[in-house]
N, C-alpha and C. Protein backbone atom coordinates (compact mmCIF):
# COMPACT_ATOMS: atom_id res chain seq x y z
N UNK A 1 0.85 -1.18 0.00
CA UNK A 1 0.00 0.00 0.00
C UNK A 1 0.90 1.24 0.00
N UNK A 2 0.60 2.17 -0.88
CA UNK A 2 1.43 3.37 -0.99
C UNK A 2 1.04 4.39 0.08
N UNK A 3 1.93 5.36 0.27
CA UNK A 3 1.65 6.44 1.22
C UNK A 3 0.37 7.16 0.83
N UNK A 4 0.20 7.41 -0.46
CA UNK A 4 -1.01 8.08 -0.94
C UNK A 4 -2.25 7.26 -0.60
N UNK A 5 -2.18 5.93 -0.79
CA UNK A 5 -3.30 5.05 -0.44
C UNK A 5 -3.62 5.12 1.05
N UNK A 6 -2.56 5.12 1.88
CA UNK A 6 -2.77 5.16 3.33
C UNK A 6 -3.43 6.47 3.75
N UNK A 7 -3.02 7.56 3.15
CA UNK A 7 -3.64 8.85 3.46
C UNK A 7 -5.10 8.86 3.03
N UNK A 8 -5.36 8.32 1.86
CA UNK A 8 -6.73 8.26 1.35
C UNK A 8 -7.60 7.40 2.26
N UNK A 9 -7.06 6.26 2.67
CA UNK A 9 -7.82 5.37 3.54
C UNK A 9 -8.14 6.03 4.88
N UNK A 10 -7.21 6.80 5.42
CA UNK A 10 -7.48 7.51 6.68
C UNK A 10 -8.66 8.46 6.49
N UNK A 11 -8.69 9.18 5.39
CA UNK A 11 -9.81 10.07 5.09
C UNK A 11 -11.11 9.30 4.95
N UNK A 12 -11.05 8.12 4.33
CA UNK A 12 -12.26 7.30 4.16
C UNK A 12 -12.76 6.78 5.51
N UNK A 13 -11.84 6.43 6.41
CA UNK A 13 -12.25 5.98 7.75
C UNK A 13 -12.98 7.11 8.48
N UNK A 14 -12.45 8.32 8.38
CA UNK A 14 -13.08 9.47 9.05
C UNK A 14 -14.44 9.75 8.42
N UNK A 15 -14.56 9.61 7.09
CA UNK A 15 -15.85 9.80 6.44
C UNK A 15 -16.88 8.78 6.94
N UNK A 16 -16.46 7.52 7.09
CA UNK A 16 -17.36 6.49 7.63
C UNK A 16 -17.79 6.86 9.05
N UNK A 17 -16.84 7.37 9.82
CA UNK A 17 -17.14 7.81 11.18
C UNK A 17 -18.20 8.92 11.14
N UNK A 18 -17.96 9.91 10.31
CA UNK A 18 -18.87 11.05 10.26
C UNK A 18 -20.24 10.70 9.68
N UNK A 19 -20.33 9.61 8.92
CA UNK A 19 -21.64 9.12 8.47
C UNK A 19 -22.31 8.28 9.55
N UNK A 20 -21.57 8.03 10.63
CA UNK A 20 -22.06 7.19 11.75
C UNK A 20 -22.41 5.79 11.25
N UNK A 21 -21.50 5.23 10.47
CA UNK A 21 -21.69 3.93 9.83
C UNK A 21 -20.73 2.91 10.45
N UNK A 22 -21.18 2.17 11.48
CA UNK A 22 -20.27 1.25 12.17
C UNK A 22 -19.73 0.14 11.29
N UNK A 23 -20.54 -0.36 10.34
CA UNK A 23 -20.08 -1.42 9.46
C UNK A 23 -18.95 -0.92 8.56
N UNK A 24 -19.15 0.24 7.97
CA UNK A 24 -18.13 0.80 7.08
C UNK A 24 -16.86 1.10 7.87
N UNK A 25 -16.99 1.68 9.07
CA UNK A 25 -15.81 2.01 9.87
C UNK A 25 -15.05 0.73 10.23
N UNK A 26 -15.76 -0.28 10.72
CA UNK A 26 -15.11 -1.53 11.14
C UNK A 26 -14.47 -2.26 9.96
N UNK A 27 -14.96 -2.03 8.75
CA UNK A 27 -14.43 -2.74 7.58
C UNK A 27 -12.99 -2.37 7.27
N UNK A 28 -12.48 -1.30 7.84
CA UNK A 28 -11.09 -0.90 7.64
C UNK A 28 -10.14 -1.66 8.55
N UNK A 29 -10.68 -2.50 9.43
CA UNK A 29 -9.88 -3.25 10.40
C UNK A 29 -9.88 -4.74 10.05
N UNK A 30 -8.74 -5.40 10.25
CA UNK A 30 -8.64 -6.84 10.05
C UNK A 30 -9.50 -7.55 11.08
N UNK A 31 -9.94 -8.76 10.75
CA UNK A 31 -10.76 -9.55 11.69
C UNK A 31 -10.06 -9.73 13.03
N UNK A 32 -8.74 -9.88 13.01
CA UNK A 32 -7.99 -10.13 14.24
C UNK A 32 -7.21 -8.90 14.72
N UNK A 33 -7.70 -7.72 14.41
CA UNK A 33 -7.04 -6.48 14.79
C UNK A 33 -6.92 -6.34 16.30
N UNK A 34 -5.96 -5.53 16.72
CA UNK A 34 -5.79 -5.15 18.12
C UNK A 34 -5.70 -3.64 18.18
N UNK A 35 -6.50 -3.02 19.05
CA UNK A 35 -6.49 -1.57 19.19
C UNK A 35 -6.28 -1.21 20.66
N UNK A 36 -5.26 -0.40 20.90
CA UNK A 36 -4.95 0.09 22.24
C UNK A 36 -5.54 1.49 22.37
N UNK A 37 -6.41 1.67 23.35
CA UNK A 37 -7.11 2.93 23.56
C UNK A 37 -7.00 3.28 25.04
N UNK A 38 -6.65 4.52 25.37
CA UNK A 38 -6.44 4.87 26.78
C UNK A 38 -7.68 4.75 27.67
N UNK A 39 -8.86 4.64 27.09
CA UNK A 39 -10.07 4.48 27.91
C UNK A 39 -10.29 3.05 28.37
N UNK A 40 -9.51 2.12 27.84
CA UNK A 40 -9.70 0.71 28.17
C UNK A 40 -8.46 0.14 28.86
N UNK A 41 -8.67 -0.68 29.87
CA UNK A 41 -7.54 -1.30 30.56
C UNK A 41 -6.92 -2.43 29.73
N UNK A 42 -7.69 -3.01 28.83
CA UNK A 42 -7.21 -4.06 27.93
C UNK A 42 -7.44 -3.62 26.49
N UNK A 43 -6.60 -4.06 25.57
CA UNK A 43 -6.80 -3.69 24.16
C UNK A 43 -8.12 -4.25 23.62
N UNK A 44 -8.69 -3.53 22.67
CA UNK A 44 -9.83 -4.05 21.92
C UNK A 44 -9.27 -5.12 20.99
N UNK A 45 -9.98 -6.22 20.87
CA UNK A 45 -9.48 -7.32 20.06
C UNK A 45 -10.54 -7.79 19.07
N UNK A 46 -10.25 -7.63 17.79
CA UNK A 46 -11.14 -8.09 16.73
C UNK A 46 -12.03 -7.01 16.17
N UNK A 47 -12.47 -7.24 14.94
CA UNK A 47 -13.32 -6.28 14.23
C UNK A 47 -14.64 -6.04 14.96
N UNK A 48 -15.21 -7.09 15.56
CA UNK A 48 -16.48 -6.92 16.28
C UNK A 48 -16.31 -5.96 17.46
N UNK A 49 -15.16 -6.01 18.13
CA UNK A 49 -14.91 -5.09 19.25
C UNK A 49 -14.79 -3.65 18.75
N UNK A 50 -14.22 -3.47 17.57
CA UNK A 50 -14.11 -2.12 16.98
C UNK A 50 -15.51 -1.60 16.65
N UNK A 51 -16.33 -2.45 16.07
CA UNK A 51 -17.70 -2.05 15.73
C UNK A 51 -18.46 -1.65 17.00
N UNK A 52 -18.34 -2.47 18.06
CA UNK A 52 -19.05 -2.19 19.32
C UNK A 52 -18.54 -0.89 19.94
N UNK A 53 -17.23 -0.68 19.94
CA UNK A 53 -16.66 0.55 20.48
C UNK A 53 -17.21 1.76 19.72
N UNK A 54 -17.28 1.66 18.41
CA UNK A 54 -17.84 2.72 17.57
C UNK A 54 -19.30 2.98 17.95
N UNK A 55 -20.09 1.92 18.04
CA UNK A 55 -21.51 2.07 18.39
C UNK A 55 -21.68 2.69 19.77
N UNK A 56 -20.86 2.26 20.74
CA UNK A 56 -20.93 2.82 22.09
C UNK A 56 -20.60 4.31 22.09
N UNK A 57 -19.58 4.69 21.30
CA UNK A 57 -19.21 6.10 21.23
C UNK A 57 -20.34 6.92 20.60
N UNK A 58 -20.97 6.37 19.57
CA UNK A 58 -22.06 7.08 18.92
C UNK A 58 -23.29 7.19 19.83
N UNK A 59 -23.48 6.23 20.72
CA UNK A 59 -24.55 6.33 21.70
C UNK A 59 -24.27 7.49 22.66
N UNK A 60 -23.02 7.62 23.06
CA UNK A 60 -22.64 8.69 23.99
C UNK A 60 -22.60 10.05 23.31
N UNK A 61 -22.15 10.08 22.04
CA UNK A 61 -21.99 11.33 21.30
C UNK A 61 -22.67 11.19 19.93
N UNK A 62 -23.99 11.25 19.88
CA UNK A 62 -24.70 10.98 18.62
C UNK A 62 -24.43 12.00 17.52
N UNK A 63 -23.90 13.16 17.86
CA UNK A 63 -23.58 14.16 16.84
C UNK A 63 -22.08 14.25 16.59
N UNK A 64 -21.32 13.25 17.05
CA UNK A 64 -19.86 13.28 16.94
C UNK A 64 -19.41 13.49 15.50
N UNK A 65 -18.38 14.30 15.38
CA UNK A 65 -17.79 14.56 14.08
C UNK A 65 -16.28 14.64 14.24
N UNK A 66 -15.58 14.02 13.31
CA UNK A 66 -14.12 14.05 13.32
C UNK A 66 -13.64 14.83 12.10
N UNK A 67 -12.51 15.50 12.26
CA UNK A 67 -11.84 16.12 11.12
C UNK A 67 -10.39 15.65 11.12
N UNK A 68 -9.84 15.47 9.92
CA UNK A 68 -8.49 14.95 9.77
C UNK A 68 -7.49 16.09 9.80
N UNK A 69 -6.40 15.87 10.54
CA UNK A 69 -5.28 16.79 10.54
C UNK A 69 -4.15 16.18 9.71
N UNK A 70 -2.99 16.12 10.29
CA UNK A 70 -1.82 15.58 9.61
C UNK A 70 -1.93 14.06 9.44
N UNK A 71 -1.41 13.58 8.32
CA UNK A 71 -1.31 12.14 8.06
C UNK A 71 0.10 11.89 7.52
N UNK A 72 0.82 10.96 8.18
CA UNK A 72 2.17 10.62 7.76
C UNK A 72 2.23 9.11 7.64
N UNK A 73 2.75 8.62 6.52
CA UNK A 73 2.82 7.18 6.30
C UNK A 73 4.24 6.78 5.92
N UNK A 74 4.64 5.61 6.41
CA UNK A 74 5.94 5.05 6.08
C UNK A 74 5.85 3.53 6.19
N UNK A 75 6.21 2.85 5.11
CA UNK A 75 6.13 1.39 5.13
C UNK A 75 4.70 0.95 5.36
N UNK A 76 4.50 0.10 6.38
CA UNK A 76 3.15 -0.41 6.69
C UNK A 76 2.48 0.36 7.83
N UNK A 77 3.02 1.55 8.15
CA UNK A 77 2.50 2.31 9.29
C UNK A 77 2.04 3.69 8.86
N UNK A 78 0.90 4.09 9.41
CA UNK A 78 0.38 5.43 9.18
C UNK A 78 0.14 6.08 10.54
N UNK A 79 0.57 7.32 10.68
CA UNK A 79 0.31 8.12 11.88
C UNK A 79 -0.62 9.24 11.45
N UNK A 80 -1.61 9.53 12.27
CA UNK A 80 -2.55 10.58 11.89
C UNK A 80 -3.11 11.30 13.10
N UNK A 81 -3.56 12.51 12.83
CA UNK A 81 -4.24 13.33 13.83
C UNK A 81 -5.68 13.54 13.40
N UNK A 82 -6.57 13.51 14.35
CA UNK A 82 -7.96 13.89 14.11
C UNK A 82 -8.42 14.77 15.27
N UNK A 83 -9.46 15.51 15.04
CA UNK A 83 -10.09 16.30 16.10
C UNK A 83 -11.51 15.79 16.23
N UNK A 84 -11.89 15.44 17.45
CA UNK A 84 -13.24 14.93 17.73
C UNK A 84 -14.05 16.02 18.41
N UNK A 85 -15.27 16.20 17.93
CA UNK A 85 -16.20 17.17 18.54
C UNK A 85 -17.56 16.51 18.66
N UNK A 86 -18.28 16.87 19.71
CA UNK A 86 -19.62 16.34 19.89
C UNK A 86 -20.19 16.74 21.23
N UNK A 87 -21.45 16.39 21.45
CA UNK A 87 -22.14 16.67 22.71
C UNK A 87 -22.47 15.34 23.36
N UNK A 88 -22.15 15.24 24.64
CA UNK A 88 -22.34 14.01 25.41
C UNK A 88 -23.82 13.85 25.76
N UNK A 89 -24.54 13.06 24.94
CA UNK A 89 -26.00 12.90 25.08
C UNK A 89 -26.42 11.52 25.59
N UNK A 90 -25.47 10.59 25.77
CA UNK A 90 -25.83 9.24 26.21
C UNK A 90 -24.76 8.66 27.10
N UNK A 91 -24.98 7.45 27.63
CA UNK A 91 -24.02 6.83 28.53
C UNK A 91 -22.67 6.59 27.84
N UNK A 92 -21.59 6.79 28.59
CA UNK A 92 -20.24 6.61 28.09
C UNK A 92 -19.50 5.67 29.03
N UNK A 93 -19.04 4.54 28.50
CA UNK A 93 -18.25 3.61 29.31
C UNK A 93 -16.86 4.17 29.51
N UNK A 94 -16.40 4.15 30.75
CA UNK A 94 -15.07 4.64 31.07
C UNK A 94 -14.37 3.69 32.02
N UNK A 95 -13.12 4.00 32.36
CA UNK A 95 -12.35 3.11 33.23
C UNK A 95 -12.99 2.90 34.61
N UNK A 96 -13.75 3.87 35.08
CA UNK A 96 -14.36 3.77 36.41
C UNK A 96 -15.84 3.41 36.34
N UNK A 97 -16.32 3.03 35.16
CA UNK A 97 -17.73 2.68 35.00
C UNK A 97 -18.40 3.55 33.97
N UNK A 98 -19.73 3.49 33.95
CA UNK A 98 -20.51 4.23 32.95
C UNK A 98 -20.77 5.65 33.44
N UNK A 99 -20.55 6.60 32.55
CA UNK A 99 -20.78 8.01 32.83
C UNK A 99 -22.09 8.41 32.18
N UNK A 100 -23.08 8.87 32.97
CA UNK A 100 -24.35 9.28 32.36
C UNK A 100 -24.17 10.55 31.52
N UNK A 101 -25.10 10.78 30.62
CA UNK A 101 -25.04 11.95 29.74
C UNK A 101 -24.90 13.23 30.56
N UNK A 102 -24.01 14.10 30.11
CA UNK A 102 -23.78 15.38 30.80
C UNK A 102 -24.29 16.56 29.98
N UNK A 103 -24.63 16.34 28.71
CA UNK A 103 -25.02 17.40 27.78
C UNK A 103 -23.94 18.46 27.61
N UNK A 104 -22.69 18.06 27.84
CA UNK A 104 -21.56 18.97 27.66
C UNK A 104 -20.86 18.65 26.35
N UNK A 105 -20.28 19.67 25.76
CA UNK A 105 -19.54 19.51 24.51
C UNK A 105 -18.11 19.07 24.76
N UNK A 106 -17.59 18.29 23.83
CA UNK A 106 -16.17 17.94 23.85
C UNK A 106 -15.55 18.43 22.56
N UNK A 107 -14.27 18.73 22.64
CA UNK A 107 -13.46 19.13 21.50
C UNK A 107 -12.05 18.68 21.86
N UNK A 108 -11.60 17.59 21.23
CA UNK A 108 -10.31 17.06 21.64
C UNK A 108 -9.50 16.51 20.47
N UNK A 109 -8.19 16.73 20.53
CA UNK A 109 -7.32 16.15 19.52
C UNK A 109 -7.01 14.70 19.88
N UNK A 110 -6.86 13.90 18.84
CA UNK A 110 -6.51 12.49 18.99
C UNK A 110 -5.40 12.20 17.98
N UNK A 111 -4.43 11.41 18.39
CA UNK A 111 -3.40 10.94 17.46
C UNK A 111 -3.40 9.42 17.52
N UNK A 112 -3.00 8.80 16.43
CA UNK A 112 -2.94 7.34 16.40
C UNK A 112 -1.86 6.87 15.44
N UNK A 113 -1.34 5.71 15.74
CA UNK A 113 -0.42 5.00 14.85
C UNK A 113 -1.09 3.69 14.50
N UNK A 114 -1.20 3.41 13.21
CA UNK A 114 -1.84 2.17 12.76
C UNK A 114 -0.89 1.42 11.83
N UNK A 115 -0.80 0.13 12.06
CA UNK A 115 -0.05 -0.76 11.16
C UNK A 115 -1.06 -1.52 10.33
N UNK A 116 -0.82 -1.57 9.01
CA UNK A 116 -1.77 -2.22 8.11
C UNK A 116 -1.13 -3.44 7.45
N UNK A 117 -1.99 -4.37 7.03
CA UNK A 117 -1.52 -5.56 6.32
C UNK A 117 -1.44 -5.27 4.82
N UNK A 118 -1.13 -6.29 4.04
CA UNK A 118 -0.98 -6.12 2.58
C UNK A 118 -2.27 -5.70 1.88
N UNK A 119 -3.41 -5.89 2.55
CA UNK A 119 -4.70 -5.50 1.98
C UNK A 119 -5.14 -4.11 2.47
N UNK A 120 -4.31 -3.46 3.27
CA UNK A 120 -4.63 -2.14 3.78
C UNK A 120 -5.51 -2.14 5.01
N UNK A 121 -5.73 -3.31 5.62
CA UNK A 121 -6.56 -3.39 6.83
C UNK A 121 -5.70 -3.16 8.06
N UNK A 122 -6.24 -2.44 9.02
CA UNK A 122 -5.52 -2.16 10.26
C UNK A 122 -5.40 -3.44 11.07
N UNK A 123 -4.16 -3.82 11.39
CA UNK A 123 -3.92 -5.00 12.22
C UNK A 123 -3.53 -4.62 13.64
N UNK A 124 -3.03 -3.40 13.81
CA UNK A 124 -2.67 -2.91 15.14
C UNK A 124 -2.79 -1.39 15.13
N UNK A 125 -3.46 -0.84 16.15
CA UNK A 125 -3.62 0.61 16.24
C UNK A 125 -3.40 1.03 17.68
N UNK A 126 -2.71 2.15 17.83
CA UNK A 126 -2.47 2.72 19.16
C UNK A 126 -2.97 4.15 19.13
N UNK A 127 -3.99 4.41 19.94
CA UNK A 127 -4.62 5.74 20.00
C UNK A 127 -4.08 6.50 21.20
N UNK A 128 -3.92 7.81 21.01
CA UNK A 128 -3.41 8.68 22.08
C UNK A 128 -4.30 9.92 22.18
N UNK A 129 -4.83 10.15 23.37
CA UNK A 129 -5.58 11.37 23.63
C UNK A 129 -5.58 11.63 25.12
N UNK A 130 -5.95 12.84 25.48
CA UNK A 130 -5.91 13.31 26.86
C UNK A 130 -7.19 12.90 27.59
N UNK A 131 -7.13 11.78 28.29
CA UNK A 131 -8.31 11.29 29.02
C UNK A 131 -8.71 12.28 30.11
N UNK A 132 -7.73 12.84 30.83
CA UNK A 132 -8.05 13.81 31.89
C UNK A 132 -8.74 15.03 31.30
N UNK A 133 -8.26 15.49 30.14
CA UNK A 133 -8.90 16.63 29.47
C UNK A 133 -10.33 16.31 29.06
N UNK A 134 -10.55 15.08 28.58
CA UNK A 134 -11.91 14.65 28.23
C UNK A 134 -12.80 14.66 29.47
N UNK A 135 -12.31 14.11 30.57
CA UNK A 135 -13.09 14.09 31.80
C UNK A 135 -13.37 15.50 32.33
N UNK A 136 -12.42 16.41 32.16
CA UNK A 136 -12.64 17.81 32.55
C UNK A 136 -13.77 18.43 31.70
N UNK A 137 -13.73 18.18 30.39
CA UNK A 137 -14.77 18.74 29.52
C UNK A 137 -16.14 18.19 29.86
N UNK A 138 -16.19 16.96 30.37
CA UNK A 138 -17.47 16.36 30.76
C UNK A 138 -17.90 16.74 32.17
N UNK A 139 -17.08 17.54 32.86
CA UNK A 139 -17.39 18.00 34.20
C UNK A 139 -17.12 16.96 35.28
N UNK A 140 -16.30 15.97 34.98
CA UNK A 140 -16.02 14.89 35.92
C UNK A 140 -14.72 15.09 36.70
N UNK A 141 -13.93 16.07 36.28
CA UNK A 141 -12.68 16.42 36.95
C UNK A 141 -12.56 17.93 36.98
N UNK A 142 -11.96 18.46 38.03
CA UNK A 142 -11.75 19.92 38.02
C UNK A 142 -10.72 20.30 36.95
N UNK A 143 -10.89 21.51 36.44
CA UNK A 143 -9.95 22.01 35.40
C UNK A 143 -8.60 22.30 36.01
């Protein structure tokens, strides 16, 4: 997969996200993918877990929208930035349990590194974002 293809695929993943299409979003991940996310104590494992994580996030933030920032690709790895925005309208699973809707807005940068297979499917992804900042925006931690 070329660097141009990896950049294009990142944009397509964000478009699937913004359409709120869990099937399309999950289709960019290999069946046996592993995703490390700071909100989870254990990695997400498998495409079904990615789909469920997506659906859970959309339940919590039904108007969520992502925008793509920088995308850098080398070999089988792509690093990218996105900005997530939305209003917390539903339950959100977190490390300490479920957080009820706060009706507060979030606006947060996210970075990730993804390794893809020969078919361009994500086999390993590591997401990075400020969990404390997210909790502050939701009113769960002092600023």
